[in-house]
Amino acid sequence: MCFIADEIEKKGIEKGRKEGLEKGMEKGMEKGMEKGMKKGMEKGMEKGLSALVASLKPFMTDFQQLYQAVIKNEIYQNVTQAQVKKYY
């Protein structure tokens, strides 16, 4: 009788480990995807800001004027002067 109880306990533990591992991997993949997407979006924003500054620079020699034009863009309305100056 004790043998059957031990086997049931072992199967329960194995099932718990397997389910825990699967859930853990799933959560890990979700976190990894979130981080990857965030990083990709940040890089895309940086490249876009760089391109925007490069395209405006020939027409605006004054940095403040260029900065004001950049922050009028809805996507870049919250960038700092330091972020824009990086590409100026």
PDB file of N, CA and C in Angstrom:
ATOM      1  N   MET A   1       0.822  -1.190   0.000  1.00  0.00           N
ATOM      2  CA  MET A   1       0.000   0.000   0.000  1.00  0.00           C
ATOM      3  C   MET A   1       0.868   1.257   0.000  1.00  0.00           C
ATOM      4  N   CYS A   2       1.905   1.249   0.748  1.00  0.00           N
ATOM      5  CA  CYS A   2       2.820   2.384   0.834  1.00  0.00           C
ATOM      6  C   CYS A   2       3.495   2.610  -0.516  1.00  0.00           C
ATOM      7  N   PHE A   3       3.773   1.533  -1.235  1.00  0.00           N
ATOM      8  CA  PHE A   3       4.406   1.619  -2.548  1.00  0.00           C
ATOM      9  C   PHE A   3       3.536   2.422  -3.518  1.00  0.00           C
ATOM     10  N   ILE A   4       2.237   2.189  -3.531  1.00  0.00           N
ATOM     11  CA  ILE A   4       1.315   2.900  -4.419  1.00  0.00           C
ATOM     12  C   ILE A   4       1.287   4.388  -4.071  1.00  0.00           C
ATOM     13  N   ALA A   5       1.264   4.687  -2.803  1.00  0.00           N
ATOM     14  CA  ALA A   5       1.254   6.088  -2.358  1.00  0.00           C
ATOM     15  C   ALA A   5       2.534   6.791  -2.795  1.00  0.00           C
ATOM     16  N   ASP A   6       3.662   6.099  -2.685  1.00  0.00           N
ATOM     17  CA  ASP A   6       4.951   6.665  -3.109  1.00  0.00           C
ATOM     18  C   ASP A   6       4.955   6.946  -4.606  1.00  0.00           C
ATOM     19  N   GLU A   7       4.423   6.020  -5.396  1.00  0.00           N
ATOM     20  CA  GLU A   7       4.362   6.188  -6.849  1.00  0.00           C
ATOM     21  C   GLU A   7       3.466   7.369  -7.233  1.00  0.00           C
ATOM     22  N   ILE A   8       2.344   7.481  -6.572  1.00  0.00           N
ATOM     23  CA  ILE A   8       1.416   8.591  -6.838  1.00  0.00           C
ATOM     24  C   ILE A   8       2.088   9.913  -6.486  1.00  0.00           C
ATOM     25  N   GLU A   9       2.791   9.928  -5.375  1.00  0.00           N
ATOM     26  CA  GLU A   9       3.497  11.143  -4.955  1.00  0.00           C
ATOM     27  C   GLU A   9       4.571  11.520  -5.976  1.00  0.00           C
ATOM     28  N   LYS A  10       5.339  10.534  -6.435  1.00  0.00           N
ATOM     29  CA  LYS A  10       6.385  10.780  -7.436  1.00  0.00           C
ATOM     30  C   LYS A  10       5.786  11.339  -8.721  1.00  0.00           C
ATOM     31  N   LYS A  11       4.679  10.737  -9.184  1.00  0.00           N
ATOM     32  CA  LYS A  11       4.036  11.222 -10.406  1.00  0.00           C
ATOM     33  C   LYS A  11       3.522  12.643 -10.221  1.00  0.00           C
ATOM     34  N   GLY A  12       2.988  12.925  -9.050  1.00  0.00           N
ATOM     35  CA  GLY A  12       2.515  14.282  -8.755  1.00  0.00           C
ATOM     36  C   GLY A  12       3.649  15.291  -8.780  1.00  0.00           C
ATOM     37  N   ILE A  13       4.764  14.907  -8.195  1.00  0.00           N
ATOM     38  CA  ILE A  13       5.939  15.794  -8.176  1.00  0.00           C
ATOM     39  C   ILE A  13       6.457  16.014  -9.590  1.00  0.00           C
ATOM     40  N   GLU A  14       6.560  14.938 -10.365  1.00  0.00           N
ATOM     41  CA  GLU A  14       7.034  15.052 -11.752  1.00  0.00           C
ATOM     42  C   GLU A  14       6.119  15.952 -12.569  1.00  0.00           C
ATOM     43  N   LYS A  15       4.813  15.752 -12.417  1.00  0.00           N
ATOM     44  CA  LYS A  15       3.846  16.573 -13.142  1.00  0.00           C
ATOM     45  C   LYS A  15       3.988  18.041 -12.731  1.00  0.00           C
ATOM     46  N   GLY A  16       4.139  18.281 -11.441  1.00  0.00           N
ATOM     47  CA  GLY A  16       4.312  19.646 -10.945  1.00  0.00           C
ATOM     48  C   GLY A  16       5.568  20.300 -11.498  1.00  0.00           C
ATOM     49  N   ARG A  17       6.652  19.549 -11.525  1.00  0.00           N
ATOM     50  CA  ARG A  17       7.913  20.073 -12.081  1.00  0.00           C
ATOM     51  C   ARG A  17       7.749  20.411 -13.556  1.00  0.00           C
ATOM     52  N   LYS A  18       7.132  19.494 -14.288  1.00  0.00           N
ATOM     53  CA  LYS A  18       6.959  19.693 -15.728  1.00  0.00           C
ATOM     54  C   LYS A  18       6.106  20.933 -16.003  1.00  0.00           C
ATOM     55  N   GLU A  19       4.975  21.027 -15.300  1.00  0.00           N
ATOM     56  CA  GLU A  19       4.095  22.181 -15.491  1.00  0.00           C
ATOM     57  C   GLU A  19       4.786  23.476 -15.071  1.00  0.00           C
ATOM     58  N   GLY A  20       5.523  23.412 -13.966  1.00  0.00           N
ATOM     59  CA  GLY A  20       6.253  24.579 -13.496  1.00  0.00           C
ATOM     60  C   GLY A  20       7.307  25.021 -14.500  1.00  0.00           C
ATOM     61  N   LEU A  21       8.010  24.057 -15.058  1.00  0.00           N
ATOM     62  CA  LEU A  21       9.039  24.347 -16.056  1.00  0.00           C
ATOM     63  C   LEU A  21       8.418  24.955 -17.298  1.00  0.00           C
ATOM     64  N   GLU A  22       7.303  24.378 -17.749  1.00  0.00           N
ATOM     65  CA  GLU A  22       6.629  24.902 -18.938  1.00  0.00           C
ATOM     66  C   GLU A  22       6.149  26.335 -18.710  1.00  0.00           C
ATOM     67  N   LYS A  23       5.536  26.571 -17.555  1.00  0.00           N
ATOM     68  CA  LYS A  23       5.059  27.924 -17.244  1.00  0.00           C
ATOM     69  C   LYS A  23       6.223  28.892 -17.113  1.00  0.00           C
ATOM     70  N   GLY A  24       7.295  28.426 -16.495  1.00  0.00           N
ATOM     71  CA  GLY A  24       8.474  29.267 -16.332  1.00  0.00           C
ATOM     72  C   GLY A  24       9.073  29.648 -17.676  1.00  0.00           C
ATOM     73  N   MET A  25       9.149  28.677 -18.576  1.00  0.00           N
ATOM     74  CA  MET A  25       9.694  28.942 -19.903  1.00  0.00           C
ATOM     75  C   MET A  25       8.790  29.905 -20.662  1.00  0.00           C
ATOM     76  N   GLU A  26       7.494  29.716 -20.522  1.00  0.00           N
ATOM     77  CA  GLU A  26       6.532  30.581 -21.199  1.00  0.00           C
ATOM     78  C   GLU A  26       6.679  32.022 -20.704  1.00  0.00           C
ATOM     79  N   LYS A  27       6.769  32.181 -19.389  1.00  0.00           N
ATOM     80  CA  LYS A  27       6.930  33.519 -18.808  1.00  0.00           C
ATOM     81  C   LYS A  27       8.262  34.125 -19.259  1.00  0.00           C
ATOM     82  N   GLY A  28       9.303  33.302 -19.277  1.00  0.00           N
ATOM     83  CA  GLY A  28      10.616  33.778 -19.701  1.00  0.00           C
ATOM     84  C   GLY A  28      10.602  34.237 -21.145  1.00  0.00           C
ATOM     85  N   MET A  29       9.918  33.499 -21.988  1.00  0.00           N
ATOM     86  CA  MET A  29       9.829  33.879 -23.395  1.00  0.00           C
ATOM     87  C   MET A  29       9.050  35.179 -23.550  1.00  0.00           C
ATOM     88  N   GLU A  30       7.974  35.328 -22.774  1.00  0.00           N
ATOM     89  CA  GLU A  30       7.190  36.568 -22.829  1.00  0.00           C
ATOM     90  C   GLU A  30       8.053  37.760 -22.430  1.00  0.00           C
ATOM     91  N   LYS A  31       8.788  37.607 -21.337  1.00  0.00           N
ATOM     92  CA  LYS A  31       9.668  38.699 -20.873  1.00  0.00           C
ATOM     93  C   LYS A  31      10.726  39.006 -21.922  1.00  0.00           C
ATOM     94  N   GLY A  32      11.295  37.962 -22.500  1.00  0.00           N
ATOM     95  CA  GLY A  32      12.313  38.151 -23.523  1.00  0.00           C
ATOM     96  C   GLY A  32      11.763  38.875 -24.737  1.00  0.00           C
ATOM     97  N   MET A  33      10.562  38.507 -25.143  1.00  0.00           N
ATOM     98  CA  MET A  33       9.918  39.165 -26.290  1.00  0.00           C
ATOM     99  C   MET A  33       9.658  40.633 -25.974  1.00  0.00           C
ATOM    100  N   GLU A  34       9.168  40.898 -24.768  1.00  0.00           N
ATOM    101  CA  GLU A  34       8.887  42.273 -24.363  1.00  0.00           C
ATOM    102  C   GLU A  34      10.163  43.110 -24.399  1.00  0.00           C
ATOM    103  N   LYS A  35      11.226  42.575 -23.820  1.00  0.00           N
ATOM    104  CA  LYS A  35      12.501  43.303 -23.803  1.00  0.00           C
ATOM    105  C   LYS A  35      13.025  43.512 -25.213  1.00  0.00           C
ATOM    106  N   GLY A  36      12.924  42.476 -26.039  1.00  0.00           N
ATOM    107  CA  GLY A  36      13.405  42.574 -27.421  1.00  0.00           C
ATOM    108  C   GLY A  36      12.628  43.608 -28.215  1.00  0.00           C
ATOM    109  N   MET A  37      11.323  43.606 -28.047  1.00  0.00           N
ATOM    110  CA  MET A  37      10.490  44.579 -28.760  1.00  0.00           C
ATOM    111  C   MET A  37      10.777  45.995 -28.271  1.00  0.00           C
ATOM    112  N   LYS A  38      10.940  46.148 -26.979  1.00  0.00           N
ATOM    113  CA  LYS A  38      11.229  47.478 -26.420  1.00  0.00           C
ATOM    114  C   LYS A  38      12.559  48.001 -26.951  1.00  0.00           C
ATOM    115  N   LYS A  39      13.543  47.128 -26.954  1.00  0.00           N
ATOM    116  CA  LYS A  39      14.863  47.518 -27.448  1.00  0.00           C
ATOM    117  C   LYS A  39      14.804  47.876 -28.937  1.00  0.00           C
ATOM    118  N   GLY A  40      14.051  47.079 -29.693  1.00  0.00           N
ATOM    119  CA  GLY A  40      13.891  47.345 -31.122  1.00  0.00           C
ATOM    120  C   GLY A  40      13.191  48.662 -31.378  1.00  0.00           C
ATOM    121  N   MET A  41      12.176  48.952 -30.595  1.00  0.00           N
ATOM    122  CA  MET A  41      11.451  50.211 -30.750  1.00  0.00           C
ATOM    123  C   MET A  41      12.345  51.394 -30.394  1.00  0.00           C
ATOM    124  N   GLU A  42      13.137  51.242 -29.336  1.00  0.00           N
ATOM    125  CA  GLU A  42      14.062  52.312 -28.949  1.00  0.00           C
ATOM    126  C   GLU A  42      15.071  52.589 -30.049  1.00  0.00           C
ATOM    127  N   LYS A  43      15.612  51.522 -30.639  1.00  0.00           N
ATOM    128  CA  LYS A  43      16.578  51.700 -31.732  1.00  0.00           C
ATOM    129  C   LYS A  43      15.914  52.358 -32.935  1.00  0.00           C
ATOM    130  N   GLY A  44      14.686  51.946 -33.220  1.00  0.00           N
ATOM    131  CA  GLY A  44      13.945  52.553 -34.321  1.00  0.00           C
ATOM    132  C   GLY A  44      13.700  54.033 -34.086  1.00  0.00           C
ATOM    133  N   MET A  45      13.364  54.385 -32.852  1.00  0.00           N
ATOM    134  CA  MET A  45      13.145  55.798 -32.507  1.00  0.00           C
ATOM    135  C   MET A  45      14.440  56.593 -32.666  1.00  0.00           C
ATOM    136  N   GLU A  46      15.545  56.002 -32.240  1.00  0.00           N
ATOM    137  CA  GLU A  46      16.840  56.674 -32.365  1.00  0.00           C
ATOM    138  C   GLU A  46      17.198  56.907 -33.831  1.00  0.00           C
ATOM    139  N   LYS A  47      17.000  55.888 -34.648  1.00  0.00           N
ATOM    140  CA  LYS A  47      17.299  56.023 -36.076  1.00  0.00           C
ATOM    141  C   LYS A  47      16.389  57.061 -36.727  1.00  0.00           C
ATOM    142  N   GLY A  48      15.127  57.053 -36.337  1.00  0.00           N
ATOM    143  CA  GLY A  48      14.181  58.032 -36.871  1.00  0.00           C
ATOM    144  C   GLY A  48      14.548  59.442 -36.470  1.00  0.00           C
ATOM    145  N   LEU A  49      14.943  59.617 -35.214  1.00  0.00           N
ATOM    146  CA  LEU A  49      15.353  60.939 -34.738  1.00  0.00           C
ATOM    147  C   LEU A  49      16.593  61.409 -35.484  1.00  0.00           C
ATOM    148  N   SER A  50      17.529  60.504 -35.663  1.00  0.00           N
ATOM    149  CA  SER A  50      18.745  60.827 -36.405  1.00  0.00           C
ATOM    150  C   SER A  50      18.411  61.278 -37.832  1.00  0.00           C
ATOM    151  N   ALA A  51      17.514  60.548 -38.485  1.00  0.00           N
ATOM    152  CA  ALA A  51      17.123  60.890 -39.858  1.00  0.00           C
ATOM    153  C   ALA A  51      16.372  62.220 -39.906  1.00  0.00           C
ATOM    154  N   LEU A  52      15.515  62.463 -38.931  1.00  0.00           N
ATOM    155  CA  LEU A  52      14.766  63.717 -38.887  1.00  0.00           C
ATOM    156  C   LEU A  52      15.703  64.904 -38.714  1.00  0.00           C
ATOM    157  N   VAL A  53      16.636  64.784 -37.781  1.00  0.00           N
ATOM    158  CA  VAL A  53      17.605  65.866 -37.557  1.00  0.00           C
ATOM    159  C   VAL A  53      18.449  66.083 -38.816  1.00  0.00           C
ATOM    160  N   ALA A  54      18.899  65.006 -39.425  1.00  0.00           N
ATOM    161  CA  ALA A  54      19.719  65.117 -40.640  1.00  0.00           C
ATOM    162  C   ALA A  54      18.948  65.787 -41.777  1.00  0.00           C
ATOM    163  N   SER A  55      17.654  65.498 -41.864  1.00  0.00           N
ATOM    164  CA  SER A  55      16.870  66.092 -42.953  1.00  0.00           C
ATOM    165  C   SER A  55      16.545  67.568 -42.700  1.00  0.00           C
ATOM    166  N   LEU A  56      16.438  67.965 -41.444  1.00  0.00           N
ATOM    167  CA  LEU A  56      16.131  69.356 -41.122  1.00  0.00           C
ATOM    168  C   LEU A  56      17.374  70.251 -41.075  1.00  0.00           C
ATOM    169  N   LYS A  57      18.496  69.676 -40.738  1.00  0.00           N
ATOM    170  CA  LYS A  57      19.725  70.438 -40.513  1.00  0.00           C
ATOM    171  C   LYS A  57      20.125  71.334 -41.690  1.00  0.00           C
ATOM    172  N   PRO A  58      20.021  70.891 -42.940  1.00  0.00           N
ATOM    173  CA  PRO A  58      20.414  71.776 -44.043  1.00  0.00           C
ATOM    174  C   PRO A  58      19.542  73.038 -44.156  1.00  0.00           C
ATOM    175  N   PHE A  59      18.340  72.982 -43.604  1.00  0.00           N
ATOM    176  CA  PHE A  59      17.418  74.108 -43.717  1.00  0.00           C
ATOM    177  C   PHE A  59      17.388  74.992 -42.473  1.00  0.00           C
ATOM    178  N   MET A  60      17.950  74.497 -41.378  1.00  0.00           N
ATOM    179  CA  MET A  60      17.921  75.244 -40.115  1.00  0.00           C
ATOM    180  C   MET A  60      19.303  75.244 -39.488  1.00  0.00           C
ATOM    181  N   THR A  61      19.911  76.392 -39.487  1.00  0.00           N
ATOM    182  CA  THR A  61      21.262  76.487 -38.929  1.00  0.00           C
ATOM    183  C   THR A  61      21.240  76.720 -37.424  1.00  0.00           C
ATOM    184  N   ASP A  62      20.133  77.208 -36.903  1.00  0.00           N
ATOM    185  CA  ASP A  62      20.004  77.466 -35.482  1.00  0.00           C
ATOM    186  C   ASP A  62      19.482  76.209 -34.775  1.00  0.00           C
ATOM    187  N   PHE A  63      20.215  75.755 -33.765  1.00  0.00           N
ATOM    188  CA  PHE A  63      19.828  74.531 -33.072  1.00  0.00           C
ATOM    189  C   PHE A  63      18.455  74.649 -32.419  1.00  0.00           C
ATOM    190  N   GLN A  64      18.175  75.772 -31.769  1.00  0.00           N
ATOM    191  CA  GLN A  64      16.881  75.937 -31.091  1.00  0.00           C
ATOM    192  C   GLN A  64      15.715  75.842 -32.073  1.00  0.00           C
ATOM    193  N   GLN A  65      15.902  76.424 -33.240  1.00  0.00           N
ATOM    194  CA  GLN A  65      14.868  76.369 -34.274  1.00  0.00           C
ATOM    195  C   GLN A  65      14.649  74.909 -34.718  1.00  0.00           C
ATOM    196  N   LEU A  66      15.741  74.196 -34.903  1.00  0.00           N
ATOM    197  CA  LEU A  66      15.659  72.793 -35.300  1.00  0.00           C
ATOM    198  C   LEU A  66      14.991  71.966 -34.198  1.00  0.00           C
ATOM    199  N   TYR A  67      15.378  72.221 -32.954  1.00  0.00           N
ATOM    200  CA  TYR A  67      14.790  71.482 -31.836  1.00  0.00           C
ATOM    201  C   TYR A  67      13.283  71.716 -31.768  1.00  0.00           C
ATOM    202  N   GLN A  68      12.860  72.945 -31.942  1.00  0.00           N
ATOM    203  CA  GLN A  68      11.428  73.260 -31.907  1.00  0.00           C
ATOM    204  C   GLN A  68      10.681  72.530 -33.031  1.00  0.00           C
ATOM    205  N   ALA A  69      11.311  72.427 -34.178  1.00  0.00           N
ATOM    206  CA  ALA A  69      10.697  71.699 -35.296  1.00  0.00           C
ATOM    207  C   ALA A  69      10.585  70.204 -34.976  1.00  0.00           C
ATOM    208  N   VAL A  70      11.604  69.653 -34.349  1.00  0.00           N
ATOM    209  CA  VAL A  70      11.608  68.227 -34.006  1.00  0.00           C
ATOM    210  C   VAL A  70      10.499  67.911 -33.009  1.00  0.00           C
ATOM    211  N   ILE A  71      10.356  68.729 -31.977  1.00  0.00           N
ATOM    212  CA  ILE A  71       9.354  68.404 -30.950  1.00  0.00           C
ATOM    213  C   ILE A  71       7.923  68.690 -31.406  1.00  0.00           C
ATOM    214  N   LYS A  72       7.758  69.321 -32.551  1.00  0.00           N
ATOM    215  CA  LYS A  72       6.417  69.472 -33.118  1.00  0.00           C
ATOM    216  C   LYS A  72       5.922  68.144 -33.684  1.00  0.00           C
ATOM    217  N   ASN A  73       6.863  67.264 -33.980  1.00  0.00           N
ATOM    218  CA  ASN A  73       6.505  65.923 -34.452  1.00  0.00           C
ATOM    219  C   ASN A  73       5.944  65.144 -33.266  1.00  0.00           C
ATOM    220  N   GLU A  74       4.763  64.595 -33.406  1.00  0.00           N
ATOM    221  CA  GLU A  74       4.072  63.892 -32.315  1.00  0.00           C
ATOM    222  C   GLU A  74       4.917  62.768 -31.709  1.00  0.00           C
ATOM    223  N   ILE A  75       5.656  62.083 -32.533  1.00  0.00           N
ATOM    224  CA  ILE A  75       6.476  60.955 -32.059  1.00  0.00           C
ATOM    225  C   ILE A  75       7.630  61.435 -31.186  1.00  0.00           C
ATOM    226  N   TYR A  76       8.175  62.596 -31.520  1.00  0.00           N
ATOM    227  CA  TYR A  76       9.371  63.088 -30.821  1.00  0.00           C
ATOM    228  C   TYR A  76       9.083  64.278 -29.913  1.00  0.00           C
ATOM    229  N   GLN A  77       7.826  64.478 -29.526  1.00  0.00           N
ATOM    230  CA  GLN A  77       7.475  65.650 -28.731  1.00  0.00           C
ATOM    231  C   GLN A  77       8.111  65.652 -27.338  1.00  0.00           C
ATOM    232  N   ASN A  78       8.556  64.496 -26.864  1.00  0.00           N
ATOM    233  CA  ASN A  78       9.127  64.429 -25.519  1.00  0.00           C
ATOM    234  C   ASN A  78      10.644  64.247 -25.490  1.00  0.00           C
ATOM    235  N   VAL A  79      11.305  64.380 -26.634  1.00  0.00           N
ATOM    236  CA  VAL A  79      12.760  64.216 -26.633  1.00  0.00           C
ATOM    237  C   VAL A  79      13.411  65.443 -26.006  1.00  0.00           C
ATOM    238  N   THR A  80      14.552  65.220 -25.422  1.00  0.00           N
ATOM    239  CA  THR A  80      15.278  66.315 -24.785  1.00  0.00           C
ATOM    240  C   THR A  80      16.207  66.983 -25.797  1.00  0.00           C
ATOM    241  N   GLN A  81      16.670  68.160 -25.431  1.00  0.00           N
ATOM    242  CA  GLN A  81      17.626  68.856 -26.298  1.00  0.00           C
ATOM    243  C   GLN A  81      18.908  68.037 -26.440  1.00  0.00           C
ATOM    244  N   ALA A  82      19.297  67.370 -25.367  1.00  0.00           N
ATOM    245  CA  ALA A  82      20.513  66.549 -25.412  1.00  0.00           C
ATOM    246  C   ALA A  82      20.375  65.410 -26.419  1.00  0.00           C
ATOM    247  N   GLN A  83      19.183  64.798 -26.479  1.00  0.00           N
ATOM    248  CA  GLN A  83      18.975  63.710 -27.436  1.00  0.00           C
ATOM    249  C   GLN A  83      19.055  64.234 -28.868  1.00  0.00           C
ATOM    250  N   VAL A  84      18.513  65.409 -29.121  1.00  0.00           N
ATOM    251  CA  VAL A  84      18.557  65.983 -30.466  1.00  0.00           C
ATOM    252  C   VAL A  84      19.977  66.424 -30.795  1.00  0.00           C
ATOM    253  N   LYS A  85      20.640  67.034 -29.817  1.00  0.00           N
ATOM    254  CA  LYS A  85      22.000  67.534 -30.031  1.00  0.00           C
ATOM    255  C   LYS A  85      22.965  66.391 -30.391  1.00  0.00           C
ATOM    256  N   LYS A  86      22.662  65.213 -29.926  1.00  0.00           N
ATOM    257  CA  LYS A  86      23.475  64.026 -30.231  1.00  0.00           C
ATOM    258  C   LYS A  86      23.608  63.821 -31.737  1.00  0.00           C
ATOM    259  N   TYR A  87      22.573  64.196 -32.485  1.00  0.00           N
ATOM    260  CA  TYR A  87      22.559  63.996 -33.942  1.00  0.00           C
ATOM    261  C   TYR A  87      22.749  65.293 -34.720  1.00  0.00           C
ATOM    262  N   TYR A  88      22.885  66.393 -34.016  1.00  0.00           N
ATOM    263  CA  TYR A  88      22.990  67.697 -34.676  1.00  0.00           C
ATOM    264  C   TYR A  88      24.374  67.923 -35.236  1.00  0.00           C
TER     265      TYR A  88
END
